[in-house]
């Protein structure tokens, strides 16, 4: 007996609508009209004899059956796409999403050492990279911190201490001989996990009022301003080593903050063992030099 499969057009229409939770966005993606997409979804619901969406006016929500079915279909269609590319003689693309700072200062300079670097499609996010793999068009996400997320395999990638950095041009004209001298300079602050108070305490500078200074949403912006000679930032060692080696930044003082996890690598739990995803994750860990100290991989089942 042959396989009894639902109409492929109906499957594609449902999967795209489920990813976007929008008939209109699915129609744009598939180059169809919204009415054609809705028609295909009705065909699939009739074929399965079950409702896949709850509809209330213009609002759309997946039923429990629809949510479970959509998750499986997305994985199958992604695999189908990759196998089709391979059959055509094209290597499948590995899609990686990260922050601009991580991409520019850490990942891109190292990518040529990766065996299938030409098959990497790198995208960057101005904010925190989305972990919604149904919509982020990514196979791997490199994110800030390492919060466990249901349905995902999240592994800490690197930990780092922090220390002050300054541009050579500013250092040449500034009188910064002791940690206290930094209080006379423009200090840049991070919105997330700012560590100046901790660093001054470790440097033995107690009971001070930190000077006012610009606050940036991420360390990449503050580091870029330091490179332009505008002030001093508390940089993450793991991120700025290359910039220090190039001479664009200079480290100040020996004191460092307590190391903290700054980046992790995430992928869908169900796809973490796929060869290209697993190879890229292993390469990232090796490049970060943290394989010996990384905790065992952990999972959190969907709640």
Protein backbone atom coordinates (compact mmCIF):
# COMPACT_ATOMS: atom_id res chain seq x y z
CA UNK A 1 0.00 0.00 0.00
CA UNK A 2 1.19 3.49 -0.76
CA UNK A 3 1.66 6.19 1.84
CA UNK A 4 -1.46 8.07 2.79
CA UNK A 5 -0.27 11.66 2.98
CA UNK A 6 -2.18 14.96 3.19
CA UNK A 7 -2.01 17.41 0.25
CA UNK A 8 1.41 19.05 0.26
CA UNK A 9 0.05 22.53 -0.55
CA UNK A 10 -2.25 22.29 2.46
CA UNK A 11 0.61 21.20 4.71
CA UNK A 12 2.78 24.14 3.57
CA UNK A 13 -0.05 26.63 4.06
CA UNK A 14 -0.76 25.37 7.57
CA UNK A 15 2.91 25.26 8.63
CA UNK A 16 3.60 28.81 7.42
CA UNK A 17 0.45 30.13 9.11
CA UNK A 18 1.36 28.34 12.35
CA UNK A 19 4.85 29.86 12.34
CA UNK A 20 3.57 33.39 11.81
CA UNK A 21 0.21 32.98 13.57
CA UNK A 22 -0.98 35.04 10.63
CA UNK A 23 -2.73 34.05 7.41
CA UNK A 24 -1.58 37.28 5.77
CA UNK A 25 2.11 36.74 6.58
CA UNK A 26 1.87 33.13 5.45
CA UNK A 27 0.28 34.28 2.20
CA UNK A 28 3.13 36.75 1.63
CA UNK A 29 5.70 34.02 2.24
CA UNK A 30 4.00 31.53 -0.09
CA UNK A 31 3.06 34.10 -2.77
CA UNK A 32 -0.62 33.27 -2.38
CA UNK A 33 -3.71 35.23 -1.45
CA UNK A 34 -4.94 35.01 2.16
CA UNK A 35 -8.14 33.36 0.94
CA UNK A 36 -6.11 30.67 -0.85
CA UNK A 37 -4.13 29.97 2.33
CA UNK A 38 -7.33 29.76 4.38
CA UNK A 39 -8.79 27.37 1.83
CA UNK A 40 -5.74 25.09 2.05
CA UNK A 41 -5.94 25.05 5.85
CA UNK A 42 -9.59 24.00 5.66
CA UNK A 43 -8.62 21.19 3.30
CA UNK A 44 -6.03 19.95 5.82
CA UNK A 45 -8.47 20.20 8.74
CA UNK A 46 -11.01 18.19 6.77
CA UNK A 47 -8.37 15.63 5.85
CA UNK A 48 -7.33 15.24 9.51
CA UNK A 49 -10.91 15.58 10.74
CA UNK A 50 -9.76 17.93 13.48
CA UNK A 51 -9.41 21.66 14.11
CA UNK A 52 -5.90 23.07 13.93
CA UNK A 53 -6.75 26.68 14.78
CA UNK A 54 -9.14 28.44 17.13
CA UNK A 55 -10.66 31.43 15.37
CA UNK A 56 -12.24 34.40 17.12
CA UNK A 57 -12.90 37.32 14.82
CA UNK A 58 -9.53 38.30 13.38
CA UNK A 59 -7.62 36.46 16.11
CA UNK A 60 -5.97 33.15 15.39
CA UNK A 61 -4.57 30.62 17.88
CA UNK A 62 -3.31 27.07 17.48
CA UNK A 63 -5.22 24.27 19.14
CA UNK A 64 -3.16 21.81 21.18
CA UNK A 65 -3.27 19.40 18.25
CA UNK A 66 -2.30 22.16 15.83
CA UNK A 67 0.64 23.29 17.99
CA UNK A 68 2.07 19.77 18.27
CA UNK A 69 1.54 19.06 14.55
CA UNK A 70 3.08 22.38 13.46
CA UNK A 71 6.25 21.81 15.49
CA UNK A 72 6.83 18.44 13.83
CA UNK A 73 6.03 19.77 10.36
CA UNK A 74 8.53 22.64 10.67
CA UNK A 75 11.31 20.18 11.50
CA UNK A 76 10.29 17.86 8.63
CA UNK A 77 10.10 20.67 6.09
CA UNK A 78 13.48 22.06 7.19
CA UNK A 79 14.98 18.60 6.76
CA UNK A 80 13.23 18.22 3.40
CA UNK A 81 14.73 21.54 2.25
CA UNK A 82 18.25 20.51 3.33
CA UNK A 83 18.00 17.09 1.65
CA UNK A 84 16.74 18.71 -1.54
CA UNK A 85 19.70 21.09 -1.58
CA UNK A 86 22.05 18.14 -1.07
CA UNK A 87 20.40 16.21 -3.94
CA UNK A 88 20.98 19.25 -6.18
CA UNK A 89 24.66 19.22 -5.26
CA UNK A 90 24.39 22.23 -2.99
CA UNK A 91 25.58 22.00 0.60
CA UNK A 92 22.81 22.85 3.05
CA UNK A 93 23.09 26.27 4.66
CA UNK A 94 23.59 26.50 8.43
CA UNK A 95 21.81 29.62 9.64
CA UNK A 96 23.37 31.32 12.66
CA UNK A 97 21.88 34.25 14.57
CA UNK A 98 23.93 36.32 17.02
CA UNK A 99 24.51 39.82 18.34
CA UNK A 100 26.56 42.26 16.21
CA UNK A 101 29.32 42.46 18.81
CA UNK A 102 29.80 38.71 19.06
CA UNK A 103 29.73 38.35 15.29
CA UNK A 104 32.23 41.15 14.59
CA UNK A 105 34.68 40.72 17.46
CA UNK A 106 34.65 36.97 17.99
CA UNK A 107 32.84 34.80 15.44
CA UNK A 108 33.70 36.26 12.02
CA UNK A 109 37.51 36.38 12.59
CA UNK A 110 37.41 32.65 13.50
CA UNK A 111 34.94 31.37 10.89
CA UNK A 112 37.57 30.65 8.19
CA UNK A 113 38.88 27.89 10.46
CA UNK A 114 35.53 26.08 10.34
CA UNK A 115 35.35 23.25 7.79
CA UNK A 116 32.11 24.35 6.13
CA UNK A 117 32.40 28.10 6.78
CA UNK A 118 31.23 28.85 3.22
CA UNK A 119 27.90 27.25 4.07
CA UNK A 120 27.25 29.51 7.08
CA UNK A 121 24.60 32.19 6.66
CA UNK A 122 25.23 34.64 9.49
CA UNK A 123 22.55 37.05 10.65
CA UNK A 124 22.80 39.57 13.46
CA UNK A 125 20.19 41.02 15.78
CA UNK A 126 20.27 44.57 17.09
CA UNK A 127 18.64 43.41 20.30
CA UNK A 128 18.64 40.10 22.11
CA UNK A 129 18.50 37.37 19.43
CA UNK A 130 15.11 35.67 19.28
CA UNK A 131 14.90 32.12 20.61
CA UNK A 132 11.64 31.52 18.76
CA UNK A 133 12.97 29.04 16.21
CA UNK A 134 9.59 28.92 14.48
CA UNK A 135 10.11 32.50 13.26
CA UNK A 136 13.79 33.46 13.62
CA UNK A 137 15.01 31.57 10.50
CA UNK A 138 17.94 30.12 12.45
CA UNK A 139 19.43 26.72 13.17
CA UNK A 140 21.70 28.00 15.95
CA UNK A 141 21.37 31.10 18.13
CA UNK A 142 24.25 32.59 20.10
CA UNK A 143 22.68 34.59 22.88
CA UNK A 144 23.61 36.58 25.96
CA UNK A 145 23.60 34.55 29.22
CA UNK A 146 22.41 30.96 29.48
CA UNK A 147 18.81 30.87 30.65
CA UNK A 148 17.29 27.39 30.17
CA UNK A 149 14.36 27.47 27.76
CA UNK A 150 11.69 24.77 27.30
CA UNK A 151 12.19 22.77 24.11
CA UNK A 152 15.73 24.07 23.52
CA UNK A 153 19.20 22.78 24.24
CA UNK A 154 21.06 25.72 25.80
CA UNK A 155 24.75 25.36 26.70
CA UNK A 156 27.03 27.99 28.26
CA UNK A 157 29.64 28.94 25.67
CA UNK A 158 32.04 31.28 27.42
CA UNK A 159 32.65 32.96 30.73
CA UNK A 160 34.69 36.11 31.11
CA UNK A 161 36.13 38.52 33.64
CA UNK A 162 36.11 42.29 33.00
CA UNK A 163 38.70 45.05 33.21
CA UNK A 164 38.93 48.69 32.06
CA UNK A 165 40.03 49.43 28.49
CA UNK A 166 41.00 52.69 26.84
CA UNK A 167 42.04 53.88 23.38
CA UNK A 168 45.80 54.45 22.92
CA UNK A 169 45.16 58.07 21.90
CA UNK A 170 43.23 58.84 25.08
CA UNK A 171 45.71 56.97 27.27
CA UNK A 172 48.53 59.10 25.85
CA UNK A 173 46.91 62.32 27.05
CA UNK A 174 45.02 61.13 30.14
CA UNK A 175 46.69 60.91 33.52
CA UNK A 176 45.55 57.47 34.62
CA UNK A 177 48.17 56.06 36.97
CA UNK A 178 45.92 54.61 39.71
CA UNK A 179 42.40 53.17 39.70
CA UNK A 180 41.18 56.35 41.45
CA UNK A 181 42.26 58.36 38.40
CA UNK A 182 39.48 56.73 36.37
CA UNK A 183 36.98 58.81 38.35
CA UNK A 184 38.18 61.82 36.38
CA UNK A 185 37.48 60.15 33.03
CA UNK A 186 34.22 59.55 31.14
CA UNK A 187 33.06 56.08 32.13
CA UNK A 188 30.66 54.11 29.97
CA UNK A 189 28.02 51.96 31.65
CA UNK A 190 26.07 48.91 30.45
CA UNK A 191 22.32 48.60 30.95
CA UNK A 192 22.76 44.90 31.71
CA UNK A 193 25.17 43.62 34.35
CA UNK A 194 27.17 46.82 34.75
CA UNK A 195 30.23 46.01 36.84
CA UNK A 196 32.00 49.29 37.65
CA UNK A 197 31.07 49.25 41.35
CA UNK A 198 32.36 45.68 41.66
CA UNK A 199 35.60 46.49 39.85
CA UNK A 200 36.38 49.59 41.93
CA UNK A 201 35.76 47.56 45.09
CA UNK A 202 38.20 44.87 43.93
CA UNK A 203 40.72 47.62 43.10
CA UNK A 204 40.47 48.90 46.70
CA UNK A 205 38.57 52.07 45.87
CA UNK A 206 35.78 52.15 48.45
CA UNK A 207 33.06 54.62 49.42
CA UNK A 208 32.99 56.52 46.14
CA UNK A 209 30.22 58.01 44.06
CA UNK A 210 30.62 56.83 40.50
CA UNK A 211 30.74 59.71 38.01
CA UNK A 212 27.86 60.18 35.62
CA UNK A 213 28.40 58.75 32.16
CA UNK A 214 26.57 57.42 29.11
CA UNK A 215 24.71 54.11 29.53
CA UNK A 216 24.57 51.79 26.53
CA UNK A 217 22.24 48.83 25.91
CA UNK A 218 25.15 46.47 25.23
CA UNK A 219 28.89 46.21 25.65
CA UNK A 220 29.56 46.43 21.91
CA UNK A 221 28.36 50.05 21.72
CA UNK A 222 30.43 51.11 24.72
CA UNK A 223 33.52 49.34 23.37
CA UNK A 224 33.10 51.06 20.01
CA UNK A 225 32.94 54.45 21.73
CA UNK A 226 36.13 53.62 23.64
CA UNK A 227 37.90 52.79 20.36
CA UNK A 228 37.01 56.30 19.21
CA UNK A 229 38.75 57.78 22.25
CA UNK A 230 35.55 58.97 23.93
CA UNK A 231 36.04 57.37 27.35
CA UNK A 232 36.71 54.15 29.29
CA UNK A 233 34.60 51.00 29.47
CA UNK A 234 34.68 47.83 31.51
CA UNK A 235 35.23 45.25 28.78
CA UNK A 236 34.80 41.49 28.74
CA UNK A 237 38.17 39.85 28.27
CA UNK A 238 36.83 37.05 26.05
CA UNK A 239 35.34 39.59 23.63
CA UNK A 240 38.15 42.15 23.33
CA UNK A 241 41.28 40.00 23.24
CA UNK A 242 41.51 40.38 19.47
CA UNK A 243 40.98 44.12 19.68
CA UNK A 244 43.71 44.42 22.32
CA UNK A 245 46.08 42.35 20.17
CA UNK A 246 45.43 44.68 17.21
CA UNK A 247 46.39 47.72 19.31
CA UNK A 248 43.03 49.46 18.95
CA UNK A 249 42.47 49.16 22.71
CA UNK A 250 44.74 49.11 25.75
CA UNK A 251 44.01 47.35 29.02
CA UNK A 252 44.25 49.31 32.28
CA UNK A 253 45.34 47.71 35.58
CA UNK A 254 45.53 44.09 36.68
CA UNK A 255 42.31 43.87 38.69
CA UNK A 256 39.48 41.86 37.12
CA UNK A 257 35.91 41.12 38.13
CA UNK A 258 34.66 37.65 38.98
CA UNK A 259 34.12 35.72 35.70
CA UNK A 260 30.51 35.34 34.60
CA UNK A 261 28.82 33.47 31.76
CA UNK A 262 28.33 35.94 28.94
CA UNK A 263 27.27 33.84 25.94
CA UNK A 264 25.52 30.56 25.33
CA UNK A 265 24.60 28.56 22.25
CA UNK A 266 21.04 27.40 21.67
CA UNK A 267 19.26 25.17 19.17
CA UNK A 268 16.06 23.19 19.09
CA UNK A 269 16.36 20.20 21.37
CA UNK A 270 15.02 17.90 18.66
CA UNK A 271 17.68 19.09 16.17
CA UNK A 272 20.71 19.39 18.45
CA UNK A 273 22.15 16.05 17.28
CA UNK A 274 21.86 16.80 13.55
CA UNK A 275 25.41 16.50 12.15
CA UNK A 276 25.87 20.11 10.98
CA UNK A 277 24.28 21.64 14.06
CA UNK A 278 26.25 19.37 16.40
CA UNK A 279 29.51 20.01 14.50
CA UNK A 280 29.06 23.77 14.70
CA UNK A 281 28.26 23.67 18.41
CA UNK A 282 31.32 21.51 19.08
CA UNK A 283 33.52 23.86 17.06
CA UNK A 284 32.21 26.88 18.98
CA UNK A 285 33.06 25.22 22.29
CA UNK A 286 36.53 24.30 21.09
CA UNK A 287 37.20 27.85 19.85
CA UNK A 288 35.95 29.28 23.13
CA UNK A 289 38.37 26.98 24.93
CA UNK A 290 35.75 25.99 27.48
CA UNK A 291 35.10 22.33 26.73
CA UNK A 292 36.89 21.27 29.92
CA UNK A 293 34.80 23.47 32.19
CA UNK A 294 31.41 23.42 30.53
CA UNK A 295 28.77 21.69 32.60
CA UNK A 296 27.14 18.61 31.12
CA UNK A 297 24.48 19.51 28.63
CA UNK A 298 21.12 19.99 30.21
CA UNK A 299 17.61 19.91 28.96
CA UNK A 300 14.37 21.30 30.22
CA UNK A 301 11.26 19.61 29.02
CA UNK A 302 8.44 21.77 27.81
CA UNK A 303 6.28 22.81 30.72
